[in-house]
Amino acid sequence: MTEHLPGVFIVSDSIGETAEMVVRAAASQFNSGNMEIRRIPNISDESILLEIVHQAAQHHFMIAYTLVVKELAEFLEIEASKAGVVCIDILGPIIDAFKQASHMEPKLEPGLLRKVDEMYYRRIEAVEFAVRYDDGKDPRGINLADIVLVGVSRTSKTPLSMYLAHKRIKVANVPLVPEVAPPEELYKVERGKLIGLVINPEQLNNIRTERLKTLGLTGQASYANEDRILEELEFSDRIMKKLGCPVIDVTNRAVEETASKILEIYYRRLSNV
């Protein structure tokens, strides 16, 4: 004879993923994998809970719930007890334990875990975006980005892109090189979305010289040549003026400080949309 676990109604004032995950983990401890789960999310009404209890009693189902609204949870427990339905509170005991250990009051706001998850996934997506569209690898990223950074090599474009990505902002960056025409997409970017980065030529020379040393290359390469650096900075200045973008001087600035300036421009643009 095939064994069956009882069916379970997953009841939640959010989407019910937490309760379902716990129920499936518990069910895995039994030999039988036969179990029916019915998830009912976004509960905010006692009448719906009454119907669920009625259905659970009729079909011999259990109820597992994550209801952070106290009144709904108490109502469900009372009605399930009256109907003889096994009813399990998934979040209540751990919330009470945290409350006791921390002497803090819980927010009791439905959907907080989902909000945290969404923020996490947006951050991961932004980091992947920054890697994919770093250093002008694919000009298509210019149209998809929240912010587009332009500047000569070693003006902190990549570190800034990654820093901003951790704030869930999608950033593409494009190097400006005299021998390479800037992608046409740059000229179509909205004002305030495109930001230029400049730096003092002497500091840029020092940064590039140190970079070459770490790569085991001679400091006399054109990459760290003073005339070459001036040529690149003059070229980038012409392009930025043509683009009409705001410009930030990154000389002696920490990444966090420059990022703060970028965010100021970015949010100002959003407030004016």
C-alpha atoms as a PDB file:
ATOM      1  CA  MET A   1       0.000   0.000   0.000  1.00  0.00           C
ATOM      2  CA  THR A   2       1.365   3.392  -0.979  1.00  0.00           C
ATOM      3  CA  GLU A   3       1.821   5.775   1.913  1.00  0.00           C
ATOM      4  CA  HIS A   4       0.626   9.345   1.624  1.00  0.00           C
ATOM      5  CA  LEU A   5       1.395  12.371   3.721  1.00  0.00           C
ATOM      6  CA  PRO A   6      -1.593  14.637   4.318  1.00  0.00           C
ATOM      7  CA  GLY A   7      -2.119  17.487   1.937  1.00  0.00           C
ATOM      8  CA  VAL A   8      -1.098  20.933   3.141  1.00  0.00           C
ATOM      9  CA  PHE A   9      -2.620  24.353   2.607  1.00  0.00           C
ATOM     10  CA  ILE A  10       0.131  26.974   2.646  1.00  0.00           C
ATOM     11  CA  VAL A  11      -1.447  30.179   3.914  1.00  0.00           C
ATOM     12  CA  SER A  12       0.423  33.473   3.877  1.00  0.00           C
ATOM     13  CA  ASP A  13      -0.101  37.235   3.919  1.00  0.00           C
ATOM     14  CA  SER A  14       2.893  37.380   1.557  1.00  0.00           C
ATOM     15  CA  ILE A  15       3.614  34.835  -1.182  1.00  0.00           C
ATOM     16  CA  GLY A  16       4.101  31.746   1.006  1.00  0.00           C
ATOM     17  CA  GLU A  17       7.510  30.620  -0.235  1.00  0.00           C
ATOM     18  CA  THR A  18       8.982  30.410   3.273  1.00  0.00           C
ATOM     19  CA  ALA A  19       6.206  28.162   4.584  1.00  0.00           C
ATOM     20  CA  GLU A  20       6.314  25.910   1.530  1.00  0.00           C
ATOM     21  CA  MET A  21      10.088  25.501   1.820  1.00  0.00           C
ATOM     22  CA  VAL A  22       9.803  24.499   5.500  1.00  0.00           C
ATOM     23  CA  VAL A  23       6.929  22.094   4.798  1.00  0.00           C
ATOM     24  CA  ARG A  24       8.829  20.379   1.999  1.00  0.00           C
ATOM     25  CA  ALA A  25      11.941  20.110   4.185  1.00  0.00           C
ATOM     26  CA  ALA A  26       9.902  18.472   6.956  1.00  0.00           C
ATOM     27  CA  ALA A  27       8.129  16.129   4.513  1.00  0.00           C
ATOM     28  CA  SER A  28      11.480  14.942   3.188  1.00  0.00           C
ATOM     29  CA  GLN A  29      12.076  13.250   6.565  1.00  0.00           C
ATOM     30  CA  PHE A  30       9.309  10.743   5.815  1.00  0.00           C
ATOM     31  CA  ASN A  31       9.601   7.788   3.473  1.00  0.00           C
ATOM     32  CA  SER A  32       6.683   8.903   1.358  1.00  0.00           C
ATOM     33  CA  GLY A  33       7.176  11.755  -1.048  1.00  0.00           C
ATOM     34  CA  ASN A  34       3.516  11.861  -1.959  1.00  0.00           C
ATOM     35  CA  MET A  35       2.120  15.143  -0.735  1.00  0.00           C
ATOM     36  CA  GLU A  36      -0.230  17.701  -2.223  1.00  0.00           C
ATOM     37  CA  ILE A  37       0.511  21.359  -1.520  1.00  0.00           C
ATOM     38  CA  ARG A  38      -1.895  24.184  -2.243  1.00  0.00           C
ATOM     39  CA  ARG A  39      -0.494  27.655  -1.711  1.00  0.00           C
ATOM     40  CA  ILE A  40      -2.855  30.560  -0.941  1.00  0.00           C
ATOM     41  CA  PRO A  41      -0.865  33.840  -0.869  1.00  0.00           C
ATOM     42  CA  ASN A  42      -1.665  37.458   0.035  1.00  0.00           C
ATOM     43  CA  ILE A  43      -4.261  36.645   2.697  1.00  0.00           C
ATOM     44  CA  SER A  44      -5.815  39.728   4.292  1.00  0.00           C
ATOM     45  CA  ASP A  45      -9.399  38.637   4.912  1.00  0.00           C
ATOM     46  CA  GLU A  46     -10.889  36.402   7.640  1.00  0.00           C
ATOM     47  CA  SER A  47     -13.588  35.117   5.287  1.00  0.00           C
ATOM     48  CA  ILE A  48     -10.910  33.543   3.081  1.00  0.00           C
ATOM     49  CA  LEU A  49      -9.372  31.879   6.129  1.00  0.00           C
ATOM     50  CA  LEU A  50     -12.772  30.420   7.035  1.00  0.00           C
ATOM     51  CA  GLU A  51     -13.091  28.911   3.557  1.00  0.00           C
ATOM     52  CA  ILE A  52      -9.571  27.448   3.773  1.00  0.00           C
ATOM     53  CA  VAL A  53     -10.339  25.840   7.142  1.00  0.00           C
ATOM     54  CA  HIS A  54     -13.566  24.408   5.694  1.00  0.00           C
ATOM     55  CA  GLN A  55     -11.685  22.953   2.706  1.00  0.00           C
ATOM     56  CA  ALA A  56      -8.911  21.574   4.941  1.00  0.00           C
ATOM     57  CA  ALA A  57     -11.453  19.810   7.180  1.00  0.00           C
ATOM     58  CA  GLN A  58     -13.326  18.397   4.191  1.00  0.00           C
ATOM     59  CA  HIS A  59     -10.218  17.054   2.418  1.00  0.00           C
ATOM     60  CA  HIS A  60      -8.189  16.097   5.522  1.00  0.00           C
ATOM     61  CA  PHE A  61      -5.475  18.682   4.838  1.00  0.00           C
ATOM     62  CA  MET A  62      -3.133  20.350   7.312  1.00  0.00           C
ATOM     63  CA  ILE A  63      -2.595  24.116   7.329  1.00  0.00           C
ATOM     64  CA  ALA A  64       0.870  25.673   7.551  1.00  0.00           C
ATOM     65  CA  TYR A  65       0.904  29.434   7.739  1.00  0.00           C
ATOM     66  CA  THR A  66       3.086  32.525   7.809  1.00  0.00           C
ATOM     67  CA  LEU A  67       0.731  35.265   8.961  1.00  0.00           C
ATOM     68  CA  VAL A  68       2.566  38.096  10.685  1.00  0.00           C
ATOM     69  CA  VAL A  69      -0.652  40.029  11.299  1.00  0.00           C
ATOM     70  CA  LYS A  70      -1.491  38.822  14.804  1.00  0.00           C
ATOM     71  CA  GLU A  71      -5.272  39.082  14.457  1.00  0.00           C
ATOM     72  CA  LEU A  72      -5.324  36.900  11.324  1.00  0.00           C
ATOM     73  CA  ALA A  73      -3.065  34.267  12.907  1.00  0.00           C
ATOM     74  CA  GLU A  74      -5.225  34.082  16.057  1.00  0.00           C
ATOM     75  CA  PHE A  75      -8.412  33.847  13.998  1.00  0.00           C
ATOM     76  CA  LEU A  76      -6.986  31.003  11.915  1.00  0.00           C
ATOM     77  CA  GLU A  77      -5.817  29.079  14.995  1.00  0.00           C
ATOM     78  CA  ILE A  78      -9.229  29.358  16.657  1.00  0.00           C
ATOM     79  CA  GLU A  79     -11.196  28.303  13.579  1.00  0.00           C
ATOM     80  CA  ALA A  80      -8.799  25.422  12.779  1.00  0.00           C
ATOM     81  CA  SER A  81      -9.089  24.158  16.354  1.00  0.00           C
ATOM     82  CA  LYS A  82     -12.893  24.235  16.123  1.00  0.00           C
ATOM     83  CA  ALA A  83     -12.785  22.212  12.887  1.00  0.00           C
ATOM     84  CA  GLY A  84     -10.193  19.728  14.159  1.00  0.00           C
ATOM     85  CA  VAL A  85      -7.633  20.771  11.533  1.00  0.00           C
ATOM     86  CA  VAL A  86      -3.932  20.531  12.322  1.00  0.00           C
ATOM     87  CA  CYS A  87      -2.572  24.069  12.015  1.00  0.00           C
ATOM     88  CA  ILE A  88       1.125  24.950  12.156  1.00  0.00           C
ATOM     89  CA  ASP A  89       2.589  28.436  12.686  1.00  0.00           C
ATOM     90  CA  ILE A  90       5.869  28.579  10.735  1.00  0.00           C
ATOM     91  CA  LEU A  91       7.137  32.060  11.669  1.00  0.00           C
ATOM     92  CA  GLY A  92       5.556  32.688  15.074  1.00  0.00           C
ATOM     93  CA  PRO A  93       7.926  30.659  17.291  1.00  0.00           C
ATOM     94  CA  ILE A  94      11.127  32.028  15.747  1.00  0.00           C
ATOM     95  CA  ILE A  95       9.789  35.609  15.839  1.00  0.00           C
ATOM     96  CA  ASP A  96       8.933  35.132  19.529  1.00  0.00           C
ATOM     97  CA  ALA A  97      12.424  33.735  20.171  1.00  0.00           C
ATOM     98  CA  PHE A  98      14.077  36.741  18.523  1.00  0.00           C
ATOM     99  CA  LYS A  99      11.804  39.070  20.482  1.00  0.00           C
ATOM    100  CA  GLN A 100      12.747  37.383  23.762  1.00  0.00           C
ATOM    101  CA  ALA A 101      16.474  37.318  23.021  1.00  0.00           C
ATOM    102  CA  SER A 102      16.733  40.861  21.642  1.00  0.00           C
ATOM    103  CA  HIS A 103      14.065  42.626  23.748  1.00  0.00           C
ATOM    104  CA  MET A 104      12.944  44.245  20.490  1.00  0.00           C
ATOM    105  CA  GLU A 105       9.491  44.396  18.959  1.00  0.00           C
ATOM    106  CA  PRO A 106       9.029  42.838  15.480  1.00  0.00           C
ATOM    107  CA  LYS A 107       7.685  45.017  12.647  1.00  0.00           C
ATOM    108  CA  LEU A 108       4.971  42.461  11.820  1.00  0.00           C
ATOM    109  CA  GLU A 109       4.905  43.709   8.245  1.00  0.00           C
ATOM    110  CA  PRO A 110       3.909  41.186   5.543  1.00  0.00           C
ATOM    111  CA  GLY A 111       6.333  40.619   2.658  1.00  0.00           C
ATOM    112  CA  LEU A 112       9.545  41.911   4.281  1.00  0.00           C
ATOM    113  CA  LEU A 113      11.534  38.810   3.311  1.00  0.00           C
ATOM    114  CA  ARG A 114      10.426  39.168  -0.295  1.00  0.00           C
ATOM    115  CA  LYS A 115      11.559  42.796  -0.268  1.00  0.00           C
ATOM    116  CA  VAL A 116      14.972  41.767   1.038  1.00  0.00           C
ATOM    117  CA  ASP A 117      15.237  39.054  -1.619  1.00  0.00           C
ATOM    118  CA  GLU A 118      14.284  41.504  -4.369  1.00  0.00           C
ATOM    119  CA  MET A 119      16.979  43.944  -3.238  1.00  0.00           C
ATOM    120  CA  TYR A 120      19.542  41.125  -3.209  1.00  0.00           C
ATOM    121  CA  TYR A 121      18.669  39.972  -6.724  1.00  0.00           C
ATOM    122  CA  ARG A 122      18.697  43.534  -8.065  1.00  0.00           C
ATOM    123  CA  ARG A 123      22.186  43.942  -6.627  1.00  0.00           C
ATOM    124  CA  ILE A 124      23.410  40.731  -8.259  1.00  0.00           C
ATOM    125  CA  GLU A 125      21.852  41.793 -11.563  1.00  0.00           C
ATOM    126  CA  ALA A 126      23.579  45.185 -11.366  1.00  0.00           C
ATOM    127  CA  VAL A 127      26.965  43.577 -10.635  1.00  0.00           C
ATOM    128  CA  GLU A 128      26.576  41.214 -13.590  1.00  0.00           C
ATOM    129  CA  PHE A 129      25.591  44.189 -15.746  1.00  0.00           C
ATOM    130  CA  ALA A 130      28.707  46.138 -14.690  1.00  0.00           C
ATOM    131  CA  VAL A 131      30.939  43.195 -15.612  1.00  0.00           C
ATOM    132  CA  ARG A 132      29.211  42.602 -18.952  1.00  0.00           C
ATOM    133  CA  TYR A 133      29.399  46.230 -20.056  1.00  0.00           C
ATOM    134  CA  ASP A 134      32.745  47.169 -18.526  1.00  0.00           C
ATOM    135  CA  ASP A 135      35.321  49.090 -20.559  1.00  0.00           C
ATOM    136  CA  GLY A 136      33.089  49.499 -23.606  1.00  0.00           C
ATOM    137  CA  LYS A 137      32.903  45.747 -24.284  1.00  0.00           C
ATOM    138  CA  ASP A 138      29.428  46.056 -25.759  1.00  0.00           C
ATOM    139  CA  PRO A 139      27.954  49.466 -26.706  1.00  0.00           C
ATOM    140  CA  ARG A 140      24.439  48.029 -26.394  1.00  0.00           C
ATOM    141  CA  GLY A 141      24.829  48.395 -22.647  1.00  0.00           C
ATOM    142  CA  ILE A 142      24.822  52.186 -23.028  1.00  0.00           C
ATOM    143  CA  ASN A 143      21.096  52.204 -23.799  1.00  0.00           C
ATOM    144  CA  LEU A 144      20.306  49.744 -20.998  1.00  0.00           C
ATOM    145  CA  ALA A 145      22.329  51.399 -18.224  1.00  0.00           C
ATOM    146  CA  ASP A 146      21.081  53.671 -15.447  1.00  0.00           C
ATOM    147  CA  ILE A 147      24.401  55.524 -15.548  1.00  0.00           C
ATOM    148  CA  VAL A 148      27.111  55.655 -18.227  1.00  0.00           C
ATOM    149  CA  LEU A 149      30.649  56.684 -17.254  1.00  0.00           C
ATOM    150  CA  VAL A 150      33.188  57.939 -19.784  1.00  0.00           C
ATOM    151  CA  GLY A 151      36.839  58.868 -19.350  1.00  0.00           C
ATOM    152  CA  VAL A 152      40.395  57.916 -20.196  1.00  0.00           C
ATOM    153  CA  SER A 153      41.982  54.774 -18.803  1.00  0.00           C
ATOM    154  CA  ARG A 154      42.602  54.733 -15.018  1.00  0.00           C
ATOM    155  CA  THR A 155      39.967  57.279 -14.020  1.00  0.00           C
ATOM    156  CA  SER A 156      38.277  54.712 -11.743  1.00  0.00           C
ATOM    157  CA  LYS A 157      35.498  53.822 -14.185  1.00  0.00           C
ATOM    158  CA  THR A 158      35.460  50.116 -13.288  1.00  0.00           C
ATOM    159  CA  PRO A 159      35.726  50.513  -9.471  1.00  0.00           C
ATOM    160  CA  LEU A 160      32.943  53.100  -9.611  1.00  0.00           C
ATOM    161  CA  SER A 161      30.775  50.817 -11.751  1.00  0.00           C
ATOM    162  CA  MET A 162      31.131  48.005  -9.224  1.00  0.00           C
ATOM    163  CA  TYR A 163      30.590  50.278  -6.228  1.00  0.00           C
ATOM    164  CA  LEU A 164      27.378  51.658  -7.721  1.00  0.00           C
ATOM    165  CA  ALA A 165      26.279  48.149  -8.712  1.00  0.00           C
ATOM    166  CA  HIS A 166      26.229  47.232  -5.027  1.00  0.00           C
ATOM    167  CA  LYS A 167      23.703  50.014  -4.641  1.00  0.00           C
ATOM    168  CA  ARG A 168      21.586  48.233  -7.293  1.00  0.00           C
ATOM    169  CA  ILE A 169      22.393  50.724 -10.072  1.00  0.00           C
ATOM    170  CA  LYS A 170      23.286  49.420 -13.535  1.00  0.00           C
ATOM    171  CA  VAL A 171      26.412  51.154 -14.823  1.00  0.00           C
ATOM    172  CA  ALA A 172      28.167  50.870 -18.177  1.00  0.00           C
ATOM    173  CA  ASN A 173      31.512  52.524 -18.751  1.00  0.00           C
ATOM    174  CA  VAL A 174      33.262  53.511 -21.954  1.00  0.00           C
ATOM    175  CA  PRO A 175      36.960  54.410 -22.340  1.00  0.00           C
ATOM    176  CA  LEU A 176      37.845  57.466 -24.415  1.00  0.00           C
ATOM    177  CA  VAL A 177      40.845  56.804 -26.665  1.00  0.00           C
ATOM    178  CA  PRO A 178      42.022  59.211 -29.422  1.00  0.00           C
ATOM    179  CA  GLU A 179      42.432  56.411 -31.958  1.00  0.00           C
ATOM    180  CA  VAL A 180      38.903  55.075 -31.441  1.00  0.00           C
ATOM    181  CA  ALA A 181      35.734  57.014 -32.251  1.00  0.00           C
ATOM    182  CA  PRO A 182      33.256  56.974 -29.346  1.00  0.00           C
ATOM    183  CA  PRO A 183      30.224  54.758 -29.976  1.00  0.00           C
ATOM    184  CA  GLU A 184      27.296  56.595 -31.529  1.00  0.00           C
ATOM    185  CA  GLU A 185      25.092  55.417 -28.659  1.00  0.00           C
ATOM    186  CA  LEU A 186      26.815  57.937 -26.356  1.00  0.00           C
ATOM    187  CA  TYR A 187      25.325  60.855 -28.262  1.00  0.00           C
ATOM    188  CA  LYS A 188      21.803  59.566 -27.618  1.00  0.00           C
ATOM    189  CA  VAL A 189      22.081  59.206 -23.849  1.00  0.00           C
ATOM    190  CA  GLU A 190      19.794  61.362 -21.685  1.00  0.00           C
ATOM    191  CA  ARG A 191      21.349  64.312 -19.899  1.00  0.00           C
ATOM    192  CA  GLY A 192      22.277  63.412 -16.334  1.00  0.00           C
ATOM    193  CA  LYS A 193      22.637  59.749 -17.204  1.00  0.00           C
ATOM    194  CA  LEU A 194      26.013  60.233 -18.904  1.00  0.00           C
ATOM    195  CA  ILE A 195      28.879  61.403 -16.674  1.00  0.00           C
ATOM    196  CA  GLY A 196      32.473  62.219 -17.606  1.00  0.00           C
ATOM    197  CA  LEU A 197      35.467  61.549 -15.390  1.00  0.00           C
ATOM    198  CA  VAL A 198      38.671  63.615 -15.530  1.00  0.00           C
ATOM    199  CA  ILE A 199      41.901  63.583 -13.553  1.00  0.00           C
ATOM    200  CA  ASN A 200      45.045  65.642 -13.023  1.00  0.00           C
ATOM    201  CA  PRO A 201      47.656  64.565 -15.627  1.00  0.00           C
ATOM    202  CA  GLU A 202      50.443  64.237 -13.048  1.00  0.00           C
ATOM    203  CA  GLN A 203      48.390  61.926 -10.837  1.00  0.00           C
ATOM    204  CA  LEU A 204      47.275  59.939 -13.872  1.00  0.00           C
ATOM    205  CA  ASN A 205      50.906  59.534 -14.895  1.00  0.00           C
ATOM    206  CA  ASN A 206      51.784  58.192 -11.432  1.00  0.00           C
ATOM    207  CA  ILE A 207      48.825  55.788 -11.440  1.00  0.00           C
ATOM    208  CA  ARG A 208      49.670  54.445 -14.878  1.00  0.00           C
ATOM    209  CA  THR A 209      53.359  54.115 -14.056  1.00  0.00           C
ATOM    210  CA  GLU A 210      52.522  52.028 -10.982  1.00  0.00           C
ATOM    211  CA  ARG A 211      50.094  49.975 -13.041  1.00  0.00           C
ATOM    212  CA  LEU A 212      52.809  49.155 -15.571  1.00  0.00           C
ATOM    213  CA  LYS A 213      55.179  48.160 -12.770  1.00  0.00           C
ATOM    214  CA  THR A 214      52.657  45.682 -11.381  1.00  0.00           C
ATOM    215  CA  LEU A 215      52.405  44.185 -14.861  1.00  0.00           C
ATOM    216  CA  GLY A 216      56.186  43.936 -15.114  1.00  0.00           C
ATOM    217  CA  LEU A 217      56.328  46.454 -17.954  1.00  0.00           C
ATOM    218  CA  THR A 218      58.614  49.440 -18.406  1.00  0.00           C
ATOM    219  CA  GLY A 219      57.454  52.817 -17.133  1.00  0.00           C
ATOM    220  CA  GLN A 220      58.592  54.348 -20.419  1.00  0.00           C
ATOM    221  CA  ALA A 221      55.715  52.803 -22.386  1.00  0.00           C
ATOM    222  CA  SER A 222      53.455  55.310 -24.173  1.00  0.00           C
ATOM    223  CA  TYR A 223      50.659  54.413 -21.740  1.00  0.00           C
ATOM    224  CA  ALA A 224      52.497  56.400 -19.042  1.00  0.00           C
ATOM    225  CA  ASN A 225      54.086  58.971 -21.335  1.00  0.00           C
ATOM    226  CA  GLU A 226      53.339  62.581 -20.328  1.00  0.00           C
ATOM    227  CA  ASP A 227      52.672  63.775 -23.888  1.00  0.00           C
ATOM    228  CA  ARG A 228      50.411  60.805 -24.535  1.00  0.00           C
ATOM    229  CA  ILE A 229      48.452  61.463 -21.334  1.00  0.00           C
ATOM    230  CA  LEU A 230      47.932  65.120 -22.265  1.00  0.00           C
ATOM    231  CA  GLU A 231      46.768  64.056 -25.711  1.00  0.00           C
ATOM    232  CA  GLU A 232      44.219  61.647 -24.195  1.00  0.00           C
ATOM    233  CA  LEU A 233      42.937  64.203 -21.687  1.00  0.00           C
ATOM    234  CA  GLU A 234      42.532  66.856 -24.388  1.00  0.00           C
ATOM    235  CA  PHE A 235      40.672  64.347 -26.553  1.00  0.00           C
ATOM    236  CA  SER A 236      38.368  63.345 -23.687  1.00  0.00           C
ATOM    237  CA  ASP A 237      37.719  67.009 -22.889  1.00  0.00           C
ATOM    238  CA  ARG A 238      36.605  67.655 -26.470  1.00  0.00           C
ATOM    239  CA  ILE A 239      34.338  64.585 -26.466  1.00  0.00           C
ATOM    240  CA  MET A 240      32.749  65.450 -23.117  1.00  0.00           C
ATOM    241  CA  LYS A 241      32.011  68.990 -24.285  1.00  0.00           C
ATOM    242  CA  LYS A 242      30.477  67.575 -27.428  1.00  0.00           C
ATOM    243  CA  LEU A 243      28.381  65.154 -25.369  1.00  0.00           C
ATOM    244  CA  GLY A 244      27.331  67.956 -23.029  1.00  0.00           C
ATOM    245  CA  CYS A 245      27.680  65.723 -19.987  1.00  0.00           C
ATOM    246  CA  PRO A 246      28.483  66.743 -16.406  1.00  0.00           C
ATOM    247  CA  VAL A 247      32.118  66.155 -15.498  1.00  0.00           C
ATOM    248  CA  ILE A 248      33.617  65.025 -12.189  1.00  0.00           C
ATOM    249  CA  ASP A 249      37.301  65.470 -11.341  1.00  0.00           C
ATOM    250  CA  VAL A 250      38.442  62.260  -9.612  1.00  0.00           C
ATOM    251  CA  THR A 251      41.869  63.644  -8.659  1.00  0.00           C
ATOM    252  CA  ASN A 252      42.665  62.626  -5.061  1.00  0.00           C
ATOM    253  CA  ARG A 253      39.094  61.454  -4.554  1.00  0.00           C
ATOM    254  CA  ALA A 254      38.154  58.160  -2.956  1.00  0.00           C
ATOM    255  CA  VAL A 255      35.784  55.956  -4.949  1.00  0.00           C
ATOM    256  CA  GLU A 256      33.076  56.494  -2.327  1.00  0.00           C
ATOM    257  CA  GLU A 257      33.377  60.283  -2.645  1.00  0.00           C
ATOM    258  CA  THR A 258      33.152  60.227  -6.436  1.00  0.00           C
ATOM    259  CA  ALA A 259      30.245  57.779  -6.279  1.00  0.00           C
ATOM    260  CA  SER A 260      28.405  60.187  -3.985  1.00  0.00           C
ATOM    261  CA  LYS A 261      28.776  62.951  -6.596  1.00  0.00           C
ATOM    262  CA  ILE A 262      27.544  60.598  -9.329  1.00  0.00           C
ATOM    263  CA  LEU A 263      24.509  59.587  -7.282  1.00  0.00           C
ATOM    264  CA  GLU A 264      23.706  63.242  -6.626  1.00  0.00           C
ATOM    265  CA  ILE A 265      23.578  63.871 -10.394  1.00  0.00           C
ATOM    266  CA  TYR A 266      21.657  60.642 -11.000  1.00  0.00           C
ATOM    267  CA  TYR A 267      18.938  61.305  -8.416  1.00  0.00           C
ATOM    268  CA  ARG A 268      18.625  64.929  -9.472  1.00  0.00           C
ATOM    269  CA  ARG A 269      17.850  63.700 -12.992  1.00  0.00           C
ATOM    270  CA  LEU A 270      15.246  61.243 -11.683  1.00  0.00           C
ATOM    271  CA  SER A 271      13.551  63.957  -9.627  1.00  0.00           C
ATOM    272  CA  ASN A 272      13.204  66.088 -12.753  1.00  0.00           C
ATOM    273  CA  VAL A 273      11.749  63.329 -14.943  1.00  0.00           C
END
